[in-house]
Amino acid sequence: MSTHQTATEIQDPGAQESPQARYFFAPGKFQDPQTTAAGEPRARVGLQRLETLWFCTGTLCNLQCRNCYIESSPRNDRLVYLSAAEVAGYLDEIEQASLGTHTIAFTGGEPFMNPDTIPMLEDALERGFHTLVLTNAMRPMMKVSGDLLRLRERFEGALRLRVSADHYRQECHEAQRGPRSWGPMLRGLQWLTDNGFNVDVAGRQAGGEPEPQMRAGYQRLFEAHGIAIDTEEPGRLILFPEMDRHLDVPEISESCWAKLGRSPDEMMCATSRMVVKRKGAERPVVVPCTLLPYEPDLELGLTLAESFQEVALNHPHCAQFCVLGGASCSG
């Protein structure tokens, strides 16, 4: 039988406005945070150190991509805009508790749609953090190009922008991101590299294409458009595994670490957390990572101190992206 015929369909908590946010897996899986459907102890990950703190600036975006795990769109405001004051409160906590955090990262939605993003970036940079922004490099970014140039001049390489380019071919990129998304992305990427910004690119490992072939394809694209990015240089081109909601992915038990030759300390939630603010909420909350923004059962508290606890790998993304995919949003 097909996976669809044998699998259980559940909808993400908090995703009720978006019926496409569904996961398919065998009955009983990803239910109990303590044990798998097979009765084995579920794998857990403790926060070893807070190297990266992510802020979801809000889920509003100028695009509605087919493969967006957070379902950003021009209408999705389930996660509302964070304010500069709210971000500053968490940066204060890092400093007061001497957490040793290295990177402050901003994702969305499209971060540059949030009117407080530039003040947030400036605050983080002035405090001495390395700062990362995930962007589609389109009109919202270009509307604040003057502010970005000012930040680059003041802080140089401490500000890094990661541009989403799903594929090196226009038709594949636009199949995910929509028509007329290719040209503006390329122009934005060209503008960033022409102006000396610290830039990397995020693509998708879709369709089974070998990684060397994808890197070569991106390199041809960049050279054709005068974009100064070497795809073989570590961290300049990050190819993320695709997260397919229709795959019946395996659960990760404690015994899987040895079988897979992996360690819980390698997982994203061992070194990072993300702050989100739900629509209608008075305050932001801390969640394990960038991939699990909607699940109330995985909220870790209001403060960073409260988030220093183990995370049960009780979601398909934990298996598909992090453990089996070997990926991290921090790069």
C-alpha atoms as a PDB file:
ATOM      1  CA  MET A   1       0.000   0.000   0.000  1.00  0.00           C
ATOM      2  CA  SER A   2       1.057   3.602  -0.449  1.00  0.00           C
ATOM      3  CA  THR A   3       2.154   5.761   2.454  1.00  0.00           C
ATOM      4  CA  HIS A   4      -1.024   7.788   2.073  1.00  0.00           C
ATOM      5  CA  GLN A   5      -3.187   4.686   2.506  1.00  0.00           C
ATOM      6  CA  THR A   6      -1.491   3.497   5.677  1.00  0.00           C
ATOM      7  CA  ALA A   7      -0.573   6.745   7.374  1.00  0.00           C
ATOM      8  CA  THR A   8      -2.278   8.905   9.945  1.00  0.00           C
ATOM      9  CA  GLU A   9      -2.920  12.518   9.001  1.00  0.00           C
ATOM     10  CA  ILE A  10      -2.593  15.185  11.674  1.00  0.00           C
ATOM     11  CA  GLN A  11      -2.666  18.928  11.511  1.00  0.00           C
ATOM     12  CA  ASP A  12      -0.069  21.090  13.155  1.00  0.00           C
ATOM     13  CA  PRO A  13      -1.388  22.794  16.326  1.00  0.00           C
ATOM     14  CA  GLY A  14      -1.823  26.471  15.580  1.00  0.00           C
ATOM     15  CA  ALA A  15      -1.975  25.856  11.827  1.00  0.00           C
ATOM     16  CA  GLN A  16      -5.753  25.632  11.614  1.00  0.00           C
ATOM     17  CA  GLU A  17      -5.960  28.513   9.149  1.00  0.00           C
ATOM     18  CA  SER A  18      -3.783  26.596   6.700  1.00  0.00           C
ATOM     19  CA  PRO A  19      -5.105  23.158   5.755  1.00  0.00           C
ATOM     20  CA  GLN A  20      -1.953  22.288   3.788  1.00  0.00           C
ATOM     21  CA  ALA A  21       0.053  22.131   7.035  1.00  0.00           C
ATOM     22  CA  ARG A  22      -0.390  18.385   7.453  1.00  0.00           C
ATOM     23  CA  TYR A  23       1.914  15.502   8.255  1.00  0.00           C
ATOM     24  CA  PHE A  24       1.406  11.879   7.262  1.00  0.00           C
ATOM     25  CA  PHE A  25       2.822   9.055   9.348  1.00  0.00           C
ATOM     26  CA  ALA A  26       1.903   5.640  10.705  1.00  0.00           C
ATOM     27  CA  PRO A  27      -0.613   5.537  13.574  1.00  0.00           C
ATOM     28  CA  GLY A  28       0.875   6.090  17.028  1.00  0.00           C
ATOM     29  CA  LYS A  29       4.025   7.857  15.877  1.00  0.00           C
ATOM     30  CA  PHE A  30       5.136  11.236  17.240  1.00  0.00           C
ATOM     31  CA  GLN A  31       2.542  11.123  20.001  1.00  0.00           C
ATOM     32  CA  ASP A  32       4.292  10.441  23.299  1.00  0.00           C
ATOM     33  CA  PRO A  33       7.275  12.674  24.155  1.00  0.00           C
ATOM     34  CA  GLN A  34       8.732   9.889  26.303  1.00  0.00           C
ATOM     35  CA  THR A  35       8.494   6.852  24.015  1.00  0.00           C
ATOM     36  CA  THR A  36       8.190   6.021  20.336  1.00  0.00           C
ATOM     37  CA  ALA A  37       5.311   4.052  18.835  1.00  0.00           C
ATOM     38  CA  ALA A  38       7.520   0.964  19.168  1.00  0.00           C
ATOM     39  CA  GLY A  39       7.826   1.566  22.914  1.00  0.00           C
ATOM     40  CA  GLU A  40      11.473   2.625  22.838  1.00  0.00           C
ATOM     41  CA  PRO A  41      12.776   5.624  24.819  1.00  0.00           C
ATOM     42  CA  ARG A  42      12.521   8.668  22.575  1.00  0.00           C
ATOM     43  CA  ALA A  43      15.738  10.514  21.751  1.00  0.00           C
ATOM     44  CA  ARG A  44      16.209  13.765  23.640  1.00  0.00           C
ATOM     45  CA  VAL A  45      18.608  16.653  23.233  1.00  0.00           C
ATOM     46  CA  GLY A  46      19.829  18.984  25.954  1.00  0.00           C
ATOM     47  CA  LEU A  47      20.958  22.546  25.361  1.00  0.00           C
ATOM     48  CA  GLN A  48      24.734  22.428  25.755  1.00  0.00           C
ATOM     49  CA  ARG A  49      25.345  26.124  25.097  1.00  0.00           C
ATOM     50  CA  LEU A  50      23.362  28.901  23.462  1.00  0.00           C
ATOM     51  CA  GLU A  51      25.566  29.630  20.460  1.00  0.00           C
ATOM     52  CA  THR A  52      22.746  31.031  18.295  1.00  0.00           C
ATOM     53  CA  LEU A  53      19.548  32.784  19.293  1.00  0.00           C
ATOM     54  CA  TRP A  54      16.988  33.064  16.511  1.00  0.00           C
ATOM     55  CA  PHE A  55      14.173  35.582  16.359  1.00  0.00           C
ATOM     56  CA  CYS A  56      11.167  34.964  14.119  1.00  0.00           C
ATOM     57  CA  THR A  57      10.319  38.509  13.097  1.00  0.00           C
ATOM     58  CA  GLY A  58       6.799  37.376  12.045  1.00  0.00           C
ATOM     59  CA  THR A  59       5.287  35.046   9.461  1.00  0.00           C
ATOM     60  CA  LEU A  60       4.168  37.723   6.998  1.00  0.00           C
ATOM     61  CA  CYS A  61       6.045  37.501   3.708  1.00  0.00           C
ATOM     62  CA  ASN A  62       5.827  38.987   0.232  1.00  0.00           C
ATOM     63  CA  LEU A  63       5.881  35.425  -1.178  1.00  0.00           C
ATOM     64  CA  GLN A  64       3.928  32.238  -0.533  1.00  0.00           C
ATOM     65  CA  CYS A  65       6.359  29.430  -1.271  1.00  0.00           C
ATOM     66  CA  ARG A  66       5.140  25.868  -1.747  1.00  0.00           C
ATOM     67  CA  ASN A  67       7.964  24.444   0.354  1.00  0.00           C
ATOM     68  CA  CYS A  68       7.891  26.944   3.240  1.00  0.00           C
ATOM     69  CA  TYR A  69       7.916  24.948   6.485  1.00  0.00           C
ATOM     70  CA  ILE A  70       6.525  27.922   8.412  1.00  0.00           C
ATOM     71  CA  GLU A  71       3.884  28.680   5.732  1.00  0.00           C
ATOM     72  CA  SER A  72       4.797  32.341   5.423  1.00  0.00           C
ATOM     73  CA  SER A  73       2.584  34.365   3.118  1.00  0.00           C
ATOM     74  CA  PRO A  74       1.152  37.870   2.662  1.00  0.00           C
ATOM     75  CA  ARG A  75      -1.749  36.769   4.907  1.00  0.00           C
ATOM     76  CA  ASN A  76      -0.237  34.475   7.543  1.00  0.00           C
ATOM     77  CA  ASP A  77       0.147  36.508  10.739  1.00  0.00           C
ATOM     78  CA  ARG A  78      -0.089  33.601  13.204  1.00  0.00           C
ATOM     79  CA  LEU A  79       3.329  34.722  14.408  1.00  0.00           C
ATOM     80  CA  VAL A  80       3.210  38.495  14.703  1.00  0.00           C
ATOM     81  CA  TYR A  81       5.962  41.059  14.383  1.00  0.00           C
ATOM     82  CA  LEU A  82       8.452  41.154  17.226  1.00  0.00           C
ATOM     83  CA  SER A  83       9.341  44.633  18.452  1.00  0.00           C
ATOM     84  CA  ALA A  84      12.835  46.008  18.955  1.00  0.00           C
ATOM     85  CA  ALA A  85      12.094  46.300  22.684  1.00  0.00           C
ATOM     86  CA  GLU A  86      11.153  42.610  22.902  1.00  0.00           C
ATOM     87  CA  VAL A  87      14.336  41.563  21.130  1.00  0.00           C
ATOM     88  CA  ALA A  88      16.380  43.870  23.367  1.00  0.00           C
ATOM     89  CA  GLY A  89      14.976  42.104  26.438  1.00  0.00           C
ATOM     90  CA  TYR A  90      16.452  38.790  25.303  1.00  0.00           C
ATOM     91  CA  LEU A  91      19.760  40.404  24.369  1.00  0.00           C
ATOM     92  CA  ASP A  92      19.848  41.909  27.856  1.00  0.00           C
ATOM     93  CA  GLU A  93      19.291  38.430  29.337  1.00  0.00           C
ATOM     94  CA  ILE A  94      22.197  37.026  27.316  1.00  0.00           C
ATOM     95  CA  GLU A  95      24.501  39.716  28.642  1.00  0.00           C
ATOM     96  CA  GLN A  96      23.263  39.620  32.235  1.00  0.00           C
ATOM     97  CA  ALA A  97      23.541  35.815  32.438  1.00  0.00           C
ATOM     98  CA  SER A  98      26.860  35.719  30.514  1.00  0.00           C
ATOM     99  CA  LEU A  99      25.505  33.042  28.191  1.00  0.00           C
ATOM    100  CA  GLY A 100      28.333  33.458  25.679  1.00  0.00           C
ATOM    101  CA  THR A 101      26.016  33.591  22.663  1.00  0.00           C
ATOM    102  CA  HIS A 102      27.892  34.214  19.409  1.00  0.00           C
ATOM    103  CA  THR A 103      25.197  34.783  16.776  1.00  0.00           C
ATOM    104  CA  ILE A 104      21.846  36.546  16.737  1.00  0.00           C
ATOM    105  CA  ALA A 105      19.786  35.410  13.736  1.00  0.00           C
ATOM    106  CA  PHE A 106      16.569  36.725  12.221  1.00  0.00           C
ATOM    107  CA  THR A 107      14.132  34.727  10.128  1.00  0.00           C
ATOM    108  CA  GLY A 108      10.490  35.052   9.072  1.00  0.00           C
ATOM    109  CA  GLY A 109       8.429  35.420   7.043  1.00  0.00           C
ATOM    110  CA  GLU A 110      10.491  37.996   5.306  1.00  0.00           C
ATOM    111  CA  PRO A 111      12.367  39.829   8.073  1.00  0.00           C
ATOM    112  CA  PHE A 112      12.586  43.090   6.161  1.00  0.00           C
ATOM    113  CA  MET A 113       8.800  43.428   6.193  1.00  0.00           C
ATOM    114  CA  ASN A 114       8.991  44.010   9.944  1.00  0.00           C
ATOM    115  CA  PRO A 115       9.480  47.782  10.453  1.00  0.00           C
ATOM    116  CA  ASP A 116      11.697  47.123  13.503  1.00  0.00           C
ATOM    117  CA  THR A 117      14.189  44.836  11.752  1.00  0.00           C
ATOM    118  CA  ILE A 118      16.807  47.516  11.094  1.00  0.00           C
ATOM    119  CA  PRO A 119      16.732  48.728  14.741  1.00  0.00           C
ATOM    120  CA  MET A 120      16.937  45.083  15.875  1.00  0.00           C
ATOM    121  CA  LEU A 121      19.979  44.466  13.681  1.00  0.00           C
ATOM    122  CA  GLU A 122      21.658  47.643  14.847  1.00  0.00           C
ATOM    123  CA  ASP A 123      21.075  46.746  18.500  1.00  0.00           C
ATOM    124  CA  ALA A 124      22.546  43.253  18.085  1.00  0.00           C
ATOM    125  CA  LEU A 125      25.537  44.532  16.127  1.00  0.00           C
ATOM    126  CA  GLU A 126      26.259  47.337  18.597  1.00  0.00           C
ATOM    127  CA  ARG A 127      26.396  44.742  21.383  1.00  0.00           C
ATOM    128  CA  GLY A 128      29.082  42.856  19.482  1.00  0.00           C
ATOM    129  CA  PHE A 129      27.062  39.889  18.202  1.00  0.00           C
ATOM    130  CA  HIS A 130      27.558  38.365  14.782  1.00  0.00           C
ATOM    131  CA  THR A 131      24.204  38.888  13.103  1.00  0.00           C
ATOM    132  CA  LEU A 132      22.512  36.771  10.430  1.00  0.00           C
ATOM    133  CA  VAL A 133      19.391  37.641   8.423  1.00  0.00           C
ATOM    134  CA  LEU A 134      17.508  35.200   6.185  1.00  0.00           C
ATOM    135  CA  THR A 135      15.916  37.025   3.261  1.00  0.00           C
ATOM    136  CA  ASN A 136      14.534  36.486  -0.235  1.00  0.00           C
ATOM    137  CA  ALA A 137      16.502  39.628  -1.291  1.00  0.00           C
ATOM    138  CA  MET A 138      13.473  41.098  -3.023  1.00  0.00           C
ATOM    139  CA  ARG A 139      11.648  44.418  -2.678  1.00  0.00           C
ATOM    140  CA  PRO A 140      11.318  44.501   1.144  1.00  0.00           C
ATOM    141  CA  MET A 141      15.109  44.238   1.453  1.00  0.00           C
ATOM    142  CA  MET A 142      15.800  46.761  -1.277  1.00  0.00           C
ATOM    143  CA  LYS A 143      13.471  49.293   0.377  1.00  0.00           C
ATOM    144  CA  VAL A 144      15.942  49.439   3.299  1.00  0.00           C
ATOM    145  CA  SER A 145      19.073  49.275   1.143  1.00  0.00           C
ATOM    146  CA  GLY A 146      20.333  52.609   2.475  1.00  0.00           C
ATOM    147  CA  ASP A 147      20.063  51.391   6.068  1.00  0.00           C
ATOM    148  CA  LEU A 148      21.832  48.146   5.170  1.00  0.00           C
ATOM    149  CA  LEU A 149      24.697  50.038   3.547  1.00  0.00           C
ATOM    150  CA  ARG A 150      25.051  52.127   6.706  1.00  0.00           C
ATOM    151  CA  LEU A 151      25.202  48.971   8.848  1.00  0.00           C
ATOM    152  CA  ARG A 152      27.732  47.342   6.540  1.00  0.00           C
ATOM    153  CA  GLU A 153      29.963  50.406   6.706  1.00  0.00           C
ATOM    154  CA  ARG A 154      29.810  50.458  10.516  1.00  0.00           C
ATOM    155  CA  PHE A 155      30.063  46.745  11.254  1.00  0.00           C
ATOM    156  CA  GLU A 156      31.577  45.209   8.095  1.00  0.00           C
ATOM    157  CA  GLY A 157      31.572  41.400   8.164  1.00  0.00           C
ATOM    158  CA  ALA A 158      29.652  41.080  11.442  1.00  0.00           C
ATOM    159  CA  LEU A 159      26.422  41.410   9.424  1.00  0.00           C
ATOM    160  CA  ARG A 160      25.649  38.405   7.226  1.00  0.00           C
ATOM    161  CA  LEU A 161      22.706  37.947   4.871  1.00  0.00           C
ATOM    162  CA  ARG A 162      21.549  34.560   3.637  1.00  0.00           C
ATOM    163  CA  VAL A 163      19.575  34.683   0.399  1.00  0.00           C
ATOM    164  CA  SER A 164      17.069  31.966  -0.464  1.00  0.00           C
ATOM    165  CA  ALA A 165      17.587  30.675  -4.009  1.00  0.00           C
ATOM    166  CA  ASP A 166      15.826  27.335  -4.182  1.00  0.00           C
ATOM    167  CA  HIS A 167      17.554  26.173  -7.363  1.00  0.00           C
ATOM    168  CA  TYR A 168      20.046  27.344  -9.950  1.00  0.00           C
ATOM    169  CA  ARG A 169      17.421  27.089 -12.699  1.00  0.00           C
ATOM    170  CA  GLN A 170      14.684  29.699 -12.925  1.00  0.00           C
ATOM    171  CA  GLU A 171      11.881  27.236 -13.623  1.00  0.00           C
ATOM    172  CA  CYS A 172      12.711  25.148 -10.550  1.00  0.00           C
ATOM    173  CA  HIS A 173      13.076  28.182  -8.294  1.00  0.00           C
ATOM    174  CA  GLU A 174       9.787  29.681  -9.470  1.00  0.00           C
ATOM    175  CA  ALA A 175       7.992  26.340  -9.186  1.00  0.00           C
ATOM    176  CA  GLN A 176       8.440  26.764  -5.438  1.00  0.00           C
ATOM    177  CA  ARG A 177       8.440  30.529  -5.001  1.00  0.00           C
ATOM    178  CA  GLY A 178       6.035  31.638  -7.695  1.00  0.00           C
ATOM    179  CA  PRO A 179       6.290  33.476 -11.018  1.00  0.00           C
ATOM    180  CA  ARG A 180       8.366  36.658 -11.213  1.00  0.00           C
ATOM    181  CA  SER A 181      10.351  35.724  -8.095  1.00  0.00           C
ATOM    182  CA  TRP A 182      13.571  34.883  -9.963  1.00  0.00           C
ATOM    183  CA  GLY A 183      14.630  38.233 -11.411  1.00  0.00           C
ATOM    184  CA  PRO A 184      14.176  40.301  -8.227  1.00  0.00           C
ATOM    185  CA  MET A 185      16.047  37.674  -6.180  1.00  0.00           C
ATOM    186  CA  LEU A 186      19.005  37.717  -8.576  1.00  0.00           C
ATOM    187  CA  ARG A 187      19.086  41.521  -8.644  1.00  0.00           C
ATOM    188  CA  GLY A 188      19.036  41.654  -4.857  1.00  0.00           C
ATOM    189  CA  LEU A 189      21.807  39.062  -4.616  1.00  0.00           C
ATOM    190  CA  GLN A 190      23.883  40.976  -7.165  1.00  0.00           C
ATOM    191  CA  TRP A 191      23.383  44.208  -5.224  1.00  0.00           C
ATOM    192  CA  LEU A 192      24.566  42.574  -2.002  1.00  0.00           C
ATOM    193  CA  THR A 193      27.740  41.128  -3.493  1.00  0.00           C
ATOM    194  CA  ASP A 194      28.471  44.259  -5.548  1.00  0.00           C
ATOM    195  CA  ASN A 195      28.328  46.290  -2.330  1.00  0.00           C
ATOM    196  CA  GLY A 196      30.626  44.029  -0.352  1.00  0.00           C
ATOM    197  CA  PHE A 197      28.149  42.422   2.017  1.00  0.00           C
ATOM    198  CA  ASN A 198      28.911  39.146   3.762  1.00  0.00           C
ATOM    199  CA  VAL A 199      26.513  36.890   1.823  1.00  0.00           C
ATOM    200  CA  ASP A 200      25.678  33.226   1.546  1.00  0.00           C
ATOM    201  CA  VAL A 201      22.956  31.400  -0.360  1.00  0.00           C
ATOM    202  CA  ALA A 202      20.498  28.730   0.769  1.00  0.00           C
ATOM    203  CA  GLY A 203      19.199  26.186  -1.738  1.00  0.00           C
ATOM    204  CA  ARG A 204      17.165  22.988  -1.531  1.00  0.00           C
ATOM    205  CA  GLN A 205      18.204  19.395  -2.113  1.00  0.00           C
ATOM    206  CA  ALA A 206      15.140  18.401  -4.074  1.00  0.00           C
ATOM    207  CA  GLY A 207      14.583  15.859  -6.805  1.00  0.00           C
ATOM    208  CA  GLY A 208      17.528  13.622  -5.949  1.00  0.00           C
ATOM    209  CA  GLU A 209      20.063  15.760  -7.804  1.00  0.00           C
ATOM    210  CA  PRO A 210      23.625  14.988  -6.598  1.00  0.00           C
ATOM    211  CA  GLU A 211      25.179  17.727  -4.498  1.00  0.00           C
ATOM    212  CA  PRO A 212      28.270  18.193  -6.729  1.00  0.00           C
ATOM    213  CA  GLN A 213      25.973  18.735  -9.716  1.00  0.00           C
ATOM    214  CA  MET A 214      23.943  21.303  -7.769  1.00  0.00           C
ATOM    215  CA  ARG A 215      27.040  23.182  -6.628  1.00  0.00           C
ATOM    216  CA  ALA A 216      28.332  23.294 -10.196  1.00  0.00           C
ATOM    217  CA  GLY A 217      24.959  24.575 -11.402  1.00  0.00           C
ATOM    218  CA  TYR A 218      24.898  27.374  -8.836  1.00  0.00           C
ATOM    219  CA  GLN A 219      28.492  28.276  -9.699  1.00  0.00           C
ATOM    220  CA  ARG A 220      27.591  28.681 -13.391  1.00  0.00           C
ATOM    221  CA  LEU A 221      24.625  30.854 -12.406  1.00  0.00           C
ATOM    222  CA  PHE A 222      26.701  33.100 -10.165  1.00  0.00           C
ATOM    223  CA  GLU A 223      29.481  33.492 -12.719  1.00  0.00           C
ATOM    224  CA  ALA A 224      26.978  34.346 -15.467  1.00  0.00           C
ATOM    225  CA  HIS A 225      25.560  37.175 -13.352  1.00  0.00           C
ATOM    226  CA  GLY A 226      28.770  38.468 -11.813  1.00  0.00           C
ATOM    227  CA  ILE A 227      27.855  37.267  -8.319  1.00  0.00           C
ATOM    228  CA  ALA A 228      31.004  36.831  -6.254  1.00  0.00           C
ATOM    229  CA  ILE A 229      30.204  33.590  -4.423  1.00  0.00           C
ATOM    230  CA  ASP A 230      32.370  30.470  -4.544  1.00  0.00           C
ATOM    231  CA  THR A 231      30.032  27.503  -4.071  1.00  0.00           C
ATOM    232  CA  GLU A 232      32.899  25.293  -2.896  1.00  0.00           C
ATOM    233  CA  GLU A 233      33.849  27.664  -0.095  1.00  0.00           C
ATOM    234  CA  PRO A 234      32.460  26.306   3.201  1.00  0.00           C
ATOM    235  CA  GLY A 235      29.249  27.997   4.230  1.00  0.00           C
ATOM    236  CA  ARG A 236      28.747  30.093   1.093  1.00  0.00           C
ATOM    237  CA  LEU A 237      26.176  27.718  -0.433  1.00  0.00           C
ATOM    238  CA  ILE A 238      24.033  25.741   2.009  1.00  0.00           C
ATOM    239  CA  LEU A 239      21.862  22.989   0.536  1.00  0.00           C
ATOM    240  CA  PHE A 240      19.080  22.083   2.932  1.00  0.00           C
ATOM    241  CA  PRO A 241      17.251  18.739   2.803  1.00  0.00           C
ATOM    242  CA  GLU A 242      13.664  18.982   1.664  1.00  0.00           C
ATOM    243  CA  MET A 243      11.008  18.368   4.308  1.00  0.00           C
ATOM    244  CA  ASP A 244       8.238  16.336   2.714  1.00  0.00           C
ATOM    245  CA  ARG A 245       5.093  16.212   4.865  1.00  0.00           C
ATOM    246  CA  HIS A 246       3.889  13.202   2.898  1.00  0.00           C
ATOM    247  CA  LEU A 247       6.769  10.925   3.870  1.00  0.00           C
ATOM    248  CA  ASP A 248       6.270   8.489   6.718  1.00  0.00           C
ATOM    249  CA  VAL A 249       9.583   9.329   8.382  1.00  0.00           C
ATOM    250  CA  PRO A 250      10.982   7.137  11.181  1.00  0.00           C
ATOM    251  CA  GLU A 251      10.968   8.194  14.804  1.00  0.00           C
ATOM    252  CA  ILE A 252      14.303   8.696  16.537  1.00  0.00           C
ATOM    253  CA  SER A 253      14.881   6.591  19.641  1.00  0.00           C
ATOM    254  CA  GLU A 254      17.852   6.707  22.008  1.00  0.00           C
ATOM    255  CA  SER A 255      19.339   3.672  20.285  1.00  0.00           C
ATOM    256  CA  CYS A 256      19.399   5.509  16.935  1.00  0.00           C
ATOM    257  CA  TRP A 257      22.363   7.664  17.932  1.00  0.00           C
ATOM    258  CA  ALA A 258      24.747   4.700  17.876  1.00  0.00           C
ATOM    259  CA  LYS A 259      23.111   3.109  14.829  1.00  0.00           C
ATOM    260  CA  LEU A 260      23.409   6.332  12.805  1.00  0.00           C
ATOM    261  CA  GLY A 261      26.783   7.373  14.145  1.00  0.00           C
ATOM    262  CA  ARG A 262      25.306  10.671  15.322  1.00  0.00           C
ATOM    263  CA  SER A 263      25.403  12.509  18.635  1.00  0.00           C
ATOM    264  CA  PRO A 264      22.641  14.565  20.276  1.00  0.00           C
ATOM    265  CA  ASP A 265      25.228  17.339  20.701  1.00  0.00           C
ATOM    266  CA  GLU A 266      25.275  17.734  16.891  1.00  0.00           C
ATOM    267  CA  MET A 267      21.602  18.690  16.734  1.00  0.00           C
ATOM    268  CA  MET A 268      20.460  22.259  16.212  1.00  0.00           C
ATOM    269  CA  CYS A 269      18.570  22.301  19.514  1.00  0.00           C
ATOM    270  CA  ALA A 270      21.810  21.537  21.386  1.00  0.00           C
ATOM    271  CA  THR A 271      23.144  24.994  20.573  1.00  0.00           C
ATOM    272  CA  SER A 272      20.219  27.222  19.586  1.00  0.00           C
ATOM    273  CA  ARG A 273      16.767  28.476  20.499  1.00  0.00           C
ATOM    274  CA  MET A 274      14.177  30.652  18.734  1.00  0.00           C
ATOM    275  CA  VAL A 275      11.873  33.385  20.036  1.00  0.00           C
ATOM    276  CA  VAL A 276       8.380  33.710  18.557  1.00  0.00           C
ATOM    277  CA  LYS A 277       5.307  35.763  19.404  1.00  0.00           C
ATOM    278  CA  ARG A 278       1.924  34.211  18.752  1.00  0.00           C
ATOM    279  CA  LYS A 279      -0.987  36.288  17.531  1.00  0.00           C
ATOM    280  CA  GLY A 280      -2.926  37.572  20.529  1.00  0.00           C
ATOM    281  CA  ALA A 281      -0.186  36.739  23.040  1.00  0.00           C
ATOM    282  CA  GLU A 282       1.064  39.316  25.512  1.00  0.00           C
ATOM    283  CA  ARG A 283       4.678  38.149  25.400  1.00  0.00           C
ATOM    284  CA  PRO A 284       7.000  36.147  23.154  1.00  0.00           C
ATOM    285  CA  VAL A 285       7.958  32.576  24.039  1.00  0.00           C
ATOM    286  CA  VAL A 286      11.080  30.491  23.463  1.00  0.00           C
ATOM    287  CA  VAL A 287      10.872  27.348  21.301  1.00  0.00           C
ATOM    288  CA  PRO A 288      13.566  24.724  20.546  1.00  0.00           C
ATOM    289  CA  CYS A 289      14.480  25.751  17.007  1.00  0.00           C
ATOM    290  CA  THR A 290      13.461  27.401  13.764  1.00  0.00           C
ATOM    291  CA  LEU A 291      11.551  24.325  12.540  1.00  0.00           C
ATOM    292  CA  LEU A 292       8.986  24.051  15.328  1.00  0.00           C
ATOM    293  CA  PRO A 293       7.343  27.467  15.664  1.00  0.00           C
ATOM    294  CA  TYR A 294       3.716  26.445  16.094  1.00  0.00           C
ATOM    295  CA  GLU A 295       3.679  23.514  18.520  1.00  0.00           C
ATOM    296  CA  PRO A 296       2.435  24.682  21.968  1.00  0.00           C
ATOM    297  CA  ASP A 297       3.642  21.422  23.547  1.00  0.00           C
ATOM    298  CA  LEU A 298       7.197  22.355  22.615  1.00  0.00           C
ATOM    299  CA  GLU A 299       7.228  25.830  24.157  1.00  0.00           C
ATOM    300  CA  LEU A 300      10.093  26.111  26.627  1.00  0.00           C
ATOM    301  CA  GLY A 301       9.089  29.202  28.584  1.00  0.00           C
ATOM    302  CA  LEU A 302       9.162  32.973  28.406  1.00  0.00           C
ATOM    303  CA  THR A 303      12.870  33.418  29.142  1.00  0.00           C
ATOM    304  CA  LEU A 304      16.110  31.953  27.869  1.00  0.00           C
ATOM    305  CA  ALA A 305      16.860  30.594  31.323  1.00  0.00           C
ATOM    306  CA  GLU A 306      13.629  28.586  31.232  1.00  0.00           C
ATOM    307  CA  SER A 307      14.590  27.132  27.847  1.00  0.00           C
ATOM    308  CA  PHE A 308      17.665  25.347  29.182  1.00  0.00           C
ATOM    309  CA  GLN A 309      15.950  21.979  29.232  1.00  0.00           C
ATOM    310  CA  GLU A 310      15.927  18.789  27.209  1.00  0.00           C
ATOM    311  CA  VAL A 311      13.916  18.640  24.005  1.00  0.00           C
ATOM    312  CA  ALA A 312      12.142  15.436  23.008  1.00  0.00           C
ATOM    313  CA  LEU A 313      12.550  14.734  19.269  1.00  0.00           C
ATOM    314  CA  ASN A 314       8.815  14.287  18.895  1.00  0.00           C
ATOM    315  CA  HIS A 315       8.198  15.785  15.449  1.00  0.00           C
ATOM    316  CA  PRO A 316       8.812  14.606  11.856  1.00  0.00           C
ATOM    317  CA  HIS A 317      11.084  17.598  11.205  1.00  0.00           C
ATOM    318  CA  CYS A 318      13.429  16.428  13.967  1.00  0.00           C
ATOM    319  CA  ALA A 319      13.998  13.181  12.095  1.00  0.00           C
ATOM    320  CA  GLN A 320      13.820  14.384   8.504  1.00  0.00           C
ATOM    321  CA  PHE A 321      15.822  17.610   8.681  1.00  0.00           C
ATOM    322  CA  CYS A 322      18.161  17.322  11.651  1.00  0.00           C
ATOM    323  CA  VAL A 323      18.962  13.689  12.459  1.00  0.00           C
ATOM    324  CA  LEU A 324      18.668  11.999   9.061  1.00  0.00           C
ATOM    325  CA  GLY A 325      19.217  15.132   6.973  1.00  0.00           C
ATOM    326  CA  GLY A 326      22.209  16.247   9.021  1.00  0.00           C
ATOM    327  CA  ALA A 327      21.220  19.892   8.605  1.00  0.00           C
ATOM    328  CA  SER A 328      21.153  22.983  10.781  1.00  0.00           C
ATOM    329  CA  CYS A 329      19.593  26.371   9.998  1.00  0.00           C
ATOM    330  CA  SER A 330      22.694  28.005  11.433  1.00  0.00           C
ATOM    331  CA  GLY A 331      24.608  26.514   8.509  1.00  0.00           C
END
